[in-house]
Amino acid sequence: MDLRHLRCFVALAEELHFTRAAERLHIEQPPLSRAIKELEDDLGVVLFDRDRRGTRLTAAGTVFLQDARRLFSILDQARENALAVAAGMRGSLRIAVSDGAIDPRLSAFLARSRAEEPEIEIRMSEVPLAEQLRGLRSGDFSIGFAHTADVGDGIVAEPIWRDPLVIALPARHALLAYREVPLQELRGHPLVLCDPQVCEGYCRELARLLRSLEHKLNVVEEVSSLDMMLTLVGAGYGVGFMTATKIPVSQRPDVVIRPLAMDGAVITTYLLRSGSISLSASLERIICRLREGLDS
């Protein structure tokens, strides 16, 4: 088994079409077929079912694809670390952020980490939650941040920050009669919520909090950014939600922020990491730095 065989396998597993996979690899189809046959002979298993209906992965092939992708992720990380060291650094860390889990504390944490360990290259990626979880399991990402601990097996979720949930109201709205808005008073009011495809974990937690309203929510818009939510709220489309840490960057004359009169109306930011990949010394220091910030 060699990397050429594995690259041929991954290309065919993702394309499930010999001609397209060969074109992607810039080779002819016969060498691709030979490489797959040699790999199957070497492993002693059948990786693909082939018939008139097309090409499909077997159960063994599906499992092998996950491990092959993990291997290539590790190779990519090794290449990046080598390049970083050659440039005078000691390595690199890749951090994923999902659910809009970005606030000044993250900026302060990154600034401190870069100041204290300038020889470590820290790369940030903003990705959907499902992509972050795949990347953590494969080793693509070192750690991640999200607003949910419902992340499945193999991922460790550690609470880092807890923030009160507040509501954004149009400057003229009946609910402004309340200094703290009872959750039940939101029943029936049009809501502007985040798109679950963009902020999956945050939407799960928000749905859990809103479940006590019992009736079907009147969601009039789903948006992909805080700015769009505030724009629609300011225009009177409905009521929006955000965390209290976002208030300083959300000041606008047509939107008023009110706290919720509800115990436990908080959104937690979790530090996510793989439970099966051992922590490097630099990653241990990064996590300790986050915990120190939590205690301060």
Protein backbone atom coordinates (compact mmCIF):
# COMPACT_ATOMS: atom_id res chain seq x y z
CA MET A 1 0.00 0.00 0.00
CA ASP A 2 1.35 3.45 -0.87
CA LEU A 3 0.06 7.02 -1.02
CA ARG A 4 -0.64 6.72 -4.75
CA HIS A 5 -3.06 3.87 -4.05
CA LEU A 6 -4.70 5.86 -1.26
CA ARG A 7 -5.12 8.97 -3.41
CA CYS A 8 -6.73 6.87 -6.12
CA PHE A 9 -9.03 5.29 -3.55
CA VAL A 10 -10.14 8.63 -2.04
CA ALA A 11 -10.79 10.14 -5.47
CA LEU A 12 -12.92 7.19 -6.56
CA ALA A 13 -14.70 7.00 -3.17
CA GLU A 14 -15.69 10.67 -3.45
CA GLU A 15 -16.60 10.61 -7.15
CA LEU A 16 -18.05 7.07 -7.30
CA HIS A 17 -17.33 7.21 -11.02
CA PHE A 18 -14.13 5.84 -12.61
CA THR A 19 -13.99 8.36 -15.46
CA ARG A 20 -14.49 11.41 -13.23
CA ALA A 21 -12.01 10.09 -10.66
CA ALA A 22 -9.38 9.48 -13.35
CA GLU A 23 -9.89 13.00 -14.72
CA ARG A 24 -9.53 14.43 -11.21
CA LEU A 25 -6.25 12.53 -10.78
CA HIS A 26 -5.07 13.46 -14.31
CA ILE A 27 -4.53 9.82 -15.23
CA GLU A 28 -6.18 7.33 -17.56
CA GLN A 29 -8.89 4.99 -16.31
CA PRO A 30 -6.90 1.69 -16.64
CA PRO A 31 -4.14 2.80 -14.19
CA LEU A 32 -6.86 3.88 -11.75
CA SER A 33 -8.57 0.48 -12.00
CA ARG A 34 -5.24 -1.27 -11.46
CA ALA A 35 -4.45 0.86 -8.40
CA ILE A 36 -7.82 0.05 -6.82
CA LYS A 37 -7.40 -3.68 -7.56
CA GLU A 38 -3.89 -3.66 -6.08
CA LEU A 39 -5.14 -1.86 -2.97
CA GLU A 40 -8.01 -4.33 -2.49
CA ASP A 41 -5.61 -7.26 -2.96
CA ASP A 42 -3.19 -5.73 -0.46
CA LEU A 43 -5.93 -5.19 2.14
CA GLY A 44 -7.70 -8.45 1.41
CA VAL A 45 -11.10 -6.74 1.30
CA VAL A 46 -13.47 -5.44 -1.38
CA LEU A 47 -13.74 -1.65 -1.17
CA PHE A 48 -16.23 -1.04 -4.00
CA ASP A 49 -19.28 -2.78 -5.39
CA ARG A 50 -19.44 -2.39 -9.16
CA ASP A 51 -22.43 -3.29 -11.33
CA ARG A 52 -24.55 -1.81 -14.09
CA ARG A 53 -26.07 0.65 -11.64
CA GLY A 54 -22.67 2.19 -10.91
CA THR A 55 -19.93 2.15 -8.30
CA ARG A 56 -20.65 2.12 -4.58
CA LEU A 57 -18.55 1.86 -1.43
CA THR A 58 -18.83 -1.34 0.56
CA ALA A 59 -19.12 -1.15 4.36
CA ALA A 60 -15.38 -1.82 4.54
CA GLY A 61 -14.75 0.88 1.96
CA THR A 62 -16.76 3.44 3.96
CA VAL A 63 -14.71 2.79 7.09
CA PHE A 64 -11.46 2.82 5.12
CA LEU A 65 -12.39 6.20 3.57
CA GLN A 66 -12.71 7.78 7.01
CA ASP A 67 -9.28 6.51 8.01
CA ALA A 68 -7.70 7.51 4.68
CA ARG A 69 -9.04 11.06 5.05
CA ARG A 70 -7.65 11.16 8.59
CA LEU A 71 -4.27 10.05 7.29
CA PHE A 72 -4.18 12.79 4.66
CA SER A 73 -5.21 15.35 7.29
CA ILE A 74 -2.29 14.24 9.44
CA LEU A 75 0.03 14.52 6.44
CA ASP A 76 -1.25 18.03 5.72
CA GLN A 77 -0.67 18.98 9.36
CA ALA A 78 2.86 17.53 9.19
CA ARG A 79 3.55 19.57 6.05
CA GLU A 80 2.26 22.76 7.70
CA ASN A 81 4.33 22.11 10.84
CA ALA A 82 7.45 21.53 8.76
CA LEU A 83 6.87 24.76 6.84
CA ALA A 84 6.22 26.64 10.08
CA VAL A 85 9.42 25.32 11.64
CA ALA A 86 11.40 26.18 8.50
CA ALA A 87 10.02 29.72 8.81
CA GLY A 88 11.30 29.94 12.39
CA MET A 89 8.16 28.72 14.16
CA ARG A 90 7.70 25.66 16.37
CA GLY A 91 4.49 24.44 14.77
CA SER A 92 0.91 25.38 14.06
CA LEU A 93 -2.51 25.10 15.72
CA ARG A 94 -5.77 25.17 13.80
CA ILE A 95 -8.82 26.48 15.62
CA ALA A 96 -12.39 26.22 14.32
CA VAL A 97 -15.25 28.53 15.33
CA SER A 98 -18.93 27.69 14.76
CA ASP A 99 -22.32 29.11 15.73
CA GLY A 100 -21.05 32.70 15.73
CA ALA A 101 -19.11 31.94 18.93
CA ILE A 102 -16.94 35.03 18.49
CA ASP A 103 -16.60 37.77 21.10
CA PRO A 104 -13.91 40.01 22.66
CA ARG A 105 -12.74 37.26 25.01
CA LEU A 106 -11.74 35.16 22.02
CA SER A 107 -9.79 38.10 20.61
CA ALA A 108 -8.06 38.63 23.97
CA PHE A 109 -7.23 34.93 24.22
CA LEU A 110 -5.74 34.87 20.71
CA ALA A 111 -3.77 38.06 21.32
CA ARG A 112 -2.29 36.66 24.53
CA SER A 113 -1.45 33.32 22.90
CA ARG A 114 0.30 35.03 19.98
CA ALA A 115 2.20 37.34 22.32
CA GLU A 116 3.35 34.59 24.67
CA GLU A 117 4.16 32.03 21.94
CA PRO A 118 4.91 33.92 18.71
CA GLU A 119 6.70 30.84 17.38
CA ILE A 120 3.36 28.95 17.20
CA GLU A 121 1.30 29.72 14.11
CA ILE A 122 -2.40 29.92 15.06
CA ARG A 123 -4.85 29.64 12.19
CA MET A 124 -8.57 30.35 12.59
CA SER A 125 -11.42 28.95 10.47
CA GLU A 126 -15.11 29.87 10.74
CA VAL A 127 -17.04 26.76 9.68
CA PRO A 128 -20.46 25.11 10.20
CA LEU A 129 -20.68 22.89 13.28
CA ALA A 130 -20.84 19.63 11.31
CA GLU A 131 -17.64 20.56 9.46
CA GLN A 132 -15.92 21.45 12.73
CA LEU A 133 -16.82 18.09 14.26
CA ARG A 134 -15.54 16.21 11.20
CA GLY A 135 -12.32 18.24 11.35
CA LEU A 136 -11.80 17.60 15.04
CA ARG A 137 -12.26 13.85 14.58
CA SER A 138 -9.91 13.73 11.59
CA GLY A 139 -7.25 15.95 13.14
CA ASP A 140 -7.92 18.80 10.70
CA PHE A 141 -8.61 21.12 13.65
CA SER A 142 -6.77 21.18 16.97
CA ILE A 143 -9.64 22.67 18.99
CA GLY A 144 -12.89 24.47 18.30
CA PHE A 145 -15.54 26.72 19.81
CA ALA A 146 -19.31 26.24 19.54
CA HIS A 147 -22.52 26.90 21.46
CA THR A 148 -23.53 23.29 22.10
CA ALA A 149 -22.24 20.25 23.97
CA ASP A 150 -24.40 17.94 21.84
CA VAL A 151 -21.46 16.87 19.69
CA GLY A 152 -21.59 13.08 19.62
CA ASP A 153 -19.06 10.45 20.58
CA GLY A 154 -15.35 11.09 20.44
CA ILE A 155 -15.54 14.85 21.11
CA VAL A 156 -14.91 16.44 24.51
CA ALA A 157 -17.01 19.55 25.21
CA GLU A 158 -15.83 21.82 28.04
CA PRO A 159 -17.83 24.92 29.05
CA ILE A 160 -15.69 28.04 28.77
CA TRP A 161 -18.01 31.06 28.82
CA ARG A 162 -21.65 31.54 29.86
CA ASP A 163 -23.53 34.61 28.65
CA PRO A 164 -27.04 35.90 29.36
CA LEU A 165 -29.44 35.74 26.45
CA VAL A 166 -31.07 39.08 25.64
CA ILE A 167 -33.67 40.14 23.10
CA ALA A 168 -33.45 42.83 20.44
CA LEU A 169 -36.64 44.85 19.93
CA PRO A 170 -37.65 47.52 17.42
CA ALA A 171 -37.39 51.01 18.94
CA ARG A 172 -41.20 51.13 19.07
CA HIS A 173 -42.60 47.86 20.36
CA ALA A 174 -45.18 46.79 22.95
CA LEU A 175 -42.64 44.64 24.83
CA LEU A 176 -40.61 47.74 25.69
CA ALA A 177 -43.11 48.21 28.53
CA TYR A 178 -41.05 45.56 30.38
CA ARG A 179 -37.63 46.30 31.86
CA GLU A 180 -37.06 42.53 31.77
CA VAL A 181 -39.20 40.70 29.23
CA PRO A 182 -40.97 37.54 30.45
CA LEU A 183 -40.38 34.73 28.00
CA GLN A 184 -44.09 33.91 27.83
CA GLU A 185 -44.79 37.44 26.53
CA LEU A 186 -42.95 36.52 23.32
CA ARG A 187 -45.67 34.05 22.38
CA GLY A 188 -47.15 35.00 19.00
CA HIS A 189 -44.69 37.80 18.28
CA PRO A 190 -42.84 37.49 14.96
CA LEU A 191 -39.25 36.30 15.48
CA VAL A 192 -36.08 36.85 13.48
CA LEU A 193 -33.85 33.85 14.19
CA CYS A 194 -30.47 32.60 13.03
CA ASP A 195 -30.41 30.14 10.14
CA PRO A 196 -29.90 26.63 11.62
CA GLN A 197 -27.62 25.76 8.71
CA VAL A 198 -25.26 28.57 9.76
CA CYS A 199 -25.54 28.43 13.57
CA GLU A 200 -26.61 24.85 14.22
CA GLY A 201 -25.46 24.55 17.83
CA TYR A 202 -26.71 27.99 18.86
CA CYS A 203 -30.11 27.26 17.31
CA ARG A 204 -30.34 23.99 19.25
CA GLU A 205 -29.76 25.81 22.53
CA LEU A 206 -32.15 28.62 21.65
CA ALA A 207 -34.84 26.11 20.68
CA ARG A 208 -34.38 24.39 24.03
CA LEU A 209 -34.96 27.69 25.85
CA LEU A 210 -37.99 28.58 23.74
CA ARG A 211 -39.59 25.16 24.13
CA SER A 212 -41.53 26.41 27.16
CA LEU A 213 -43.57 28.68 24.88
CA GLU A 214 -45.42 25.48 23.92
CA HIS A 215 -47.05 26.93 20.81
CA LYS A 216 -45.44 26.94 17.38
CA LEU A 217 -43.02 29.82 17.03
CA ASN A 218 -43.85 32.61 14.60
CA VAL A 219 -40.50 32.70 12.77
CA VAL A 220 -40.72 35.26 9.97
CA GLU A 221 -37.05 35.34 8.91
CA GLU A 222 -33.89 33.24 9.32
CA VAL A 223 -30.65 35.16 8.91
CA SER A 224 -26.98 34.28 8.67
CA SER A 225 -25.47 37.20 10.60
CA LEU A 226 -25.99 39.43 13.61
CA ASP A 227 -25.96 42.51 11.38
CA MET A 228 -28.83 41.18 9.28
CA MET A 229 -30.83 40.27 12.38
CA LEU A 230 -30.43 43.79 13.76
CA THR A 231 -31.31 45.30 10.39
CA LEU A 232 -34.58 43.38 10.21
CA VAL A 233 -35.42 44.01 13.86
CA GLY A 234 -34.76 47.72 13.38
CA ALA A 235 -37.08 47.67 10.37
CA GLY A 236 -39.85 46.16 12.49
CA TYR A 237 -39.89 42.64 11.04
CA GLY A 238 -39.80 41.03 14.47
CA VAL A 239 -37.90 40.31 17.66
CA GLY A 240 -34.38 38.87 17.68
CA PHE A 241 -32.06 37.14 20.17
CA MET A 242 -28.39 37.63 20.97
CA THR A 243 -25.96 37.20 23.85
CA ALA A 244 -25.15 40.07 26.19
CA THR A 245 -21.51 40.11 25.04
CA LYS A 246 -22.72 41.30 21.62
CA ILE A 247 -24.40 44.42 23.04
CA PRO A 248 -21.37 46.75 22.65
CA VAL A 249 -21.17 46.02 18.91
CA SER A 250 -24.93 46.18 18.41
CA GLN A 251 -25.72 49.77 19.38
CA ARG A 252 -28.19 51.31 16.91
CA PRO A 253 -30.91 53.93 17.31
CA ASP A 254 -33.65 51.72 15.87
CA VAL A 255 -33.00 48.70 18.15
CA VAL A 256 -33.44 48.40 21.93
CA ILE A 257 -31.91 45.55 23.94
CA ARG A 258 -33.81 44.08 26.89
CA PRO A 259 -32.84 41.25 29.27
CA LEU A 260 -35.09 38.23 29.65
CA ALA A 261 -36.90 37.74 32.95
CA MET A 262 -35.92 34.09 33.05
CA ASP A 263 -33.45 32.18 35.21
CA GLY A 264 -31.14 30.05 33.15
CA ALA A 265 -31.55 32.07 29.95
CA VAL A 266 -27.89 31.72 29.05
CA ILE A 267 -25.89 30.57 26.06
CA THR A 268 -22.73 28.60 26.85
CA THR A 269 -19.63 28.63 24.69
CA TYR A 270 -17.88 25.26 24.69
CA LEU A 271 -14.30 24.38 23.93
CA LEU A 272 -14.38 21.29 21.71
CA ARG A 273 -11.52 18.85 21.10
CA SER A 274 -11.02 15.28 20.02
CA GLY A 275 -11.08 12.75 22.82
CA SER A 276 -8.92 10.30 20.90
CA ILE A 277 -6.02 12.53 19.79
CA SER A 278 -3.33 13.21 22.40
CA LEU A 279 -2.68 16.87 23.20
CA SER A 280 0.61 18.44 22.22
CA ALA A 281 2.47 20.59 24.76
CA SER A 282 1.51 23.76 22.91
CA LEU A 283 -2.16 22.75 22.81
CA GLU A 284 -2.07 21.95 26.55
CA ARG A 285 -0.80 25.48 27.18
CA ILE A 286 -3.53 26.94 24.94
CA ILE A 287 -6.25 25.12 26.88
CA CYS A 288 -4.75 26.10 30.24
CA ARG A 289 -4.76 29.72 29.07
CA LEU A 290 -8.48 29.45 28.30
CA ARG A 291 -9.17 27.99 31.73
CA GLU A 292 -7.19 30.76 33.39
CA GLY A 293 -9.37 33.28 31.58
CA LEU A 294 -12.44 31.45 32.88
CA ASP A 295 -11.22 31.71 36.47
CA SER A 296 -10.23 35.37 36.24
